[in-house]
Structure formats: structure tokens, C-alpha cells
Amino acid sequence: MEQDRYHIVLGKKSTTVTVDKTLSDLLALRLGHDPRSEDARAAVRAYLQEKLDEKNDPGRTSVSQWLREELLLDLVDKRLSDKYWRWFYTWVDATYGKKRR
């Protein structure tokens, strides 16, 4: 699959993230832009930067993968993403919870 590359800032360091072109197109539409236009590219890049800044984790690794997950869950129906997070946190607690305590 074709990927779009975006340059963002993580902490004080510039980095490049990749996002599937279809996800970029869908996000552009969600943000009110025609996909693959300069405005759409700028809006998607700003969205990715905002998501990264929102969590404020300059030591984050696997940035592309994390941002793709955030983007996908923002695109799907809110009820479905809420259901996913409830499942995920239950799974994490069941899988790792006892080991961390």
C-alpha cells in the first residue's frame, strides 16, 4: 500500500511518520478537505502534530504506529472506538495487570 510521509516534531526533535494514503484521504475528508490537495496535506499534518502534542510524550517510540491507531480510532464510529478501548483496557489488565502490581 502506498504511504504518505509527514514531518512532525516530537519533543525538540523532528521526525517523519508514515500513514496509509487511504487513511490520509479519509481523514482529509473528515477534516473538510479534498483529499490529496495541499490544504488536505497541511490539515492532516496539523492533526498528527496535535495528536502527538496532546499526549506530550517526547520519549515515545513507534510514533507512526501509534498515530495510525489514533487516526483510525478517530475515523470509526465513536461507539465502536469506545467499545474497542473498553475491551483493550480490560485485556491489558487481564494480561499484564497482575504482573505490574
Protein backbone atom coordinates (compact mmCIF):
# COMPACT_ATOMS: atom_id res chain seq x y z
CA MET A 1 0.00 0.00 0.00
CA GLU A 2 1.11 3.49 -0.77
CA GLN A 3 2.11 5.64 2.19
CA ASP A 4 2.10 9.37 2.83
CA ARG A 5 5.00 10.80 4.80
CA TYR A 6 4.57 13.70 7.21
CA HIS A 7 7.24 15.64 9.06
CA ILE A 8 6.33 16.38 12.67
CA VAL A 9 8.13 17.45 15.83
CA LEU A 10 8.50 15.06 18.76
CA GLY A 11 9.75 16.99 21.76
CA LYS A 12 12.62 19.01 20.28
CA LYS A 13 13.36 16.53 17.51
CA SER A 14 11.94 16.47 14.00
CA THR A 15 10.75 13.07 12.81
CA THR A 16 8.91 11.54 9.88
CA VAL A 17 5.77 9.42 10.23
CA THR A 18 4.04 7.35 7.59
CA VAL A 19 0.30 6.95 7.16
CA ASP A 20 -1.52 4.80 4.64
CA LYS A 21 -2.75 7.00 1.77
CA THR A 22 -6.34 5.79 2.22
CA LEU A 23 -6.32 6.78 5.90
CA SER A 24 -4.89 10.18 4.95
CA ASP A 25 -7.66 10.62 2.37
CA LEU A 26 -10.39 9.64 4.84
CA LEU A 27 -9.01 11.98 7.49
CA ALA A 28 -8.82 14.82 4.96
CA LEU A 29 -12.49 14.28 4.16
CA ARG A 30 -13.36 14.19 7.88
CA LEU A 31 -11.48 17.48 8.30
CA GLY A 32 -13.41 19.05 5.42
CA HIS A 33 -10.74 19.00 2.69
CA ASP A 34 -10.48 17.46 -0.74
CA PRO A 35 -8.09 14.51 -0.42
CA ARG A 36 -4.59 14.84 -1.89
CA SER A 37 -4.74 18.63 -2.09
CA GLU A 38 -2.16 20.90 -0.46
CA ASP A 39 -4.76 22.06 2.06
CA ALA A 40 -5.61 18.46 2.93
CA ARG A 41 -1.96 17.59 3.41
CA ALA A 42 -1.45 20.56 5.73
CA ALA A 43 -4.61 19.69 7.70
CA VAL A 44 -3.60 16.03 8.13
CA ARG A 45 -0.10 17.04 9.21
CA ALA A 46 -1.56 19.53 11.74
CA TYR A 47 -3.91 16.81 13.05
CA LEU A 48 -0.99 14.39 13.52
CA GLN A 49 1.08 17.05 15.28
CA GLU A 50 -1.84 17.95 17.54
CA LYS A 51 -2.37 14.29 18.48
CA LEU A 52 1.31 13.97 19.34
CA ASP A 53 1.35 17.21 21.35
CA GLU A 54 -1.85 16.19 23.16
CA LYS A 55 -0.05 13.24 24.78
CA ASN A 56 3.17 15.25 25.35
CA ASP A 57 5.48 12.22 25.39
CA PRO A 58 8.81 13.28 23.82
CA GLY A 59 10.28 9.83 24.53
CA ARG A 60 7.58 8.00 22.57
CA THR A 61 8.74 5.24 20.24
CA SER A 62 6.88 3.69 17.29
CA VAL A 63 5.35 7.07 16.57
CA SER A 64 3.93 6.13 13.15
CA GLN A 65 2.19 3.06 14.53
CA TRP A 66 0.76 4.95 17.48
CA LEU A 67 -0.51 7.82 15.32
CA ARG A 68 -2.10 5.39 12.84
CA GLU A 69 -4.01 3.78 15.71
CA GLU A 70 -5.19 7.18 16.99
CA LEU A 71 -6.22 8.24 13.49
CA LEU A 72 -8.12 5.03 12.79
CA LEU A 73 -10.00 5.17 16.07
CA ASP A 74 -10.94 8.81 15.41
CA LEU A 75 -12.30 7.84 11.99
CA VAL A 76 -14.51 4.97 13.12
CA ASP A 77 -17.85 5.44 14.80
CA LYS A 78 -17.46 6.78 18.35
CA ARG A 79 -19.43 3.88 19.81
CA LEU A 80 -17.13 1.39 18.13
CA SER A 81 -13.96 3.15 19.28
CA ASP A 82 -15.36 3.37 22.85
CA LYS A 83 -16.13 -0.34 22.72
CA TYR A 84 -12.60 -1.01 21.48
CA TRP A 85 -11.00 0.96 24.34
CA ARG A 86 -13.16 -0.80 26.95
CA TRP A 87 -12.04 -4.15 25.53
CA PHE A 88 -8.41 -3.05 25.24
CA TYR A 89 -8.09 -1.85 28.85
CA THR A 90 -9.82 -4.99 30.13
CA TRP A 91 -7.43 -7.10 28.04
CA VAL A 92 -4.36 -5.16 29.27
CA ASP A 93 -5.46 -5.57 32.89
CA ALA A 94 -6.12 -9.28 32.41
CA THR A 95 -2.88 -9.86 30.52
CA TYR A 96 -0.43 -7.59 32.31
CA GLY A 97 -2.23 -6.21 35.36
CA LYS A 98 -1.16 -8.87 37.82
CA LYS A 99 2.47 -8.71 36.68
CA ARG A 100 2.67 -4.94 37.15
CA ARG A 101 1.27 -4.89 40.67
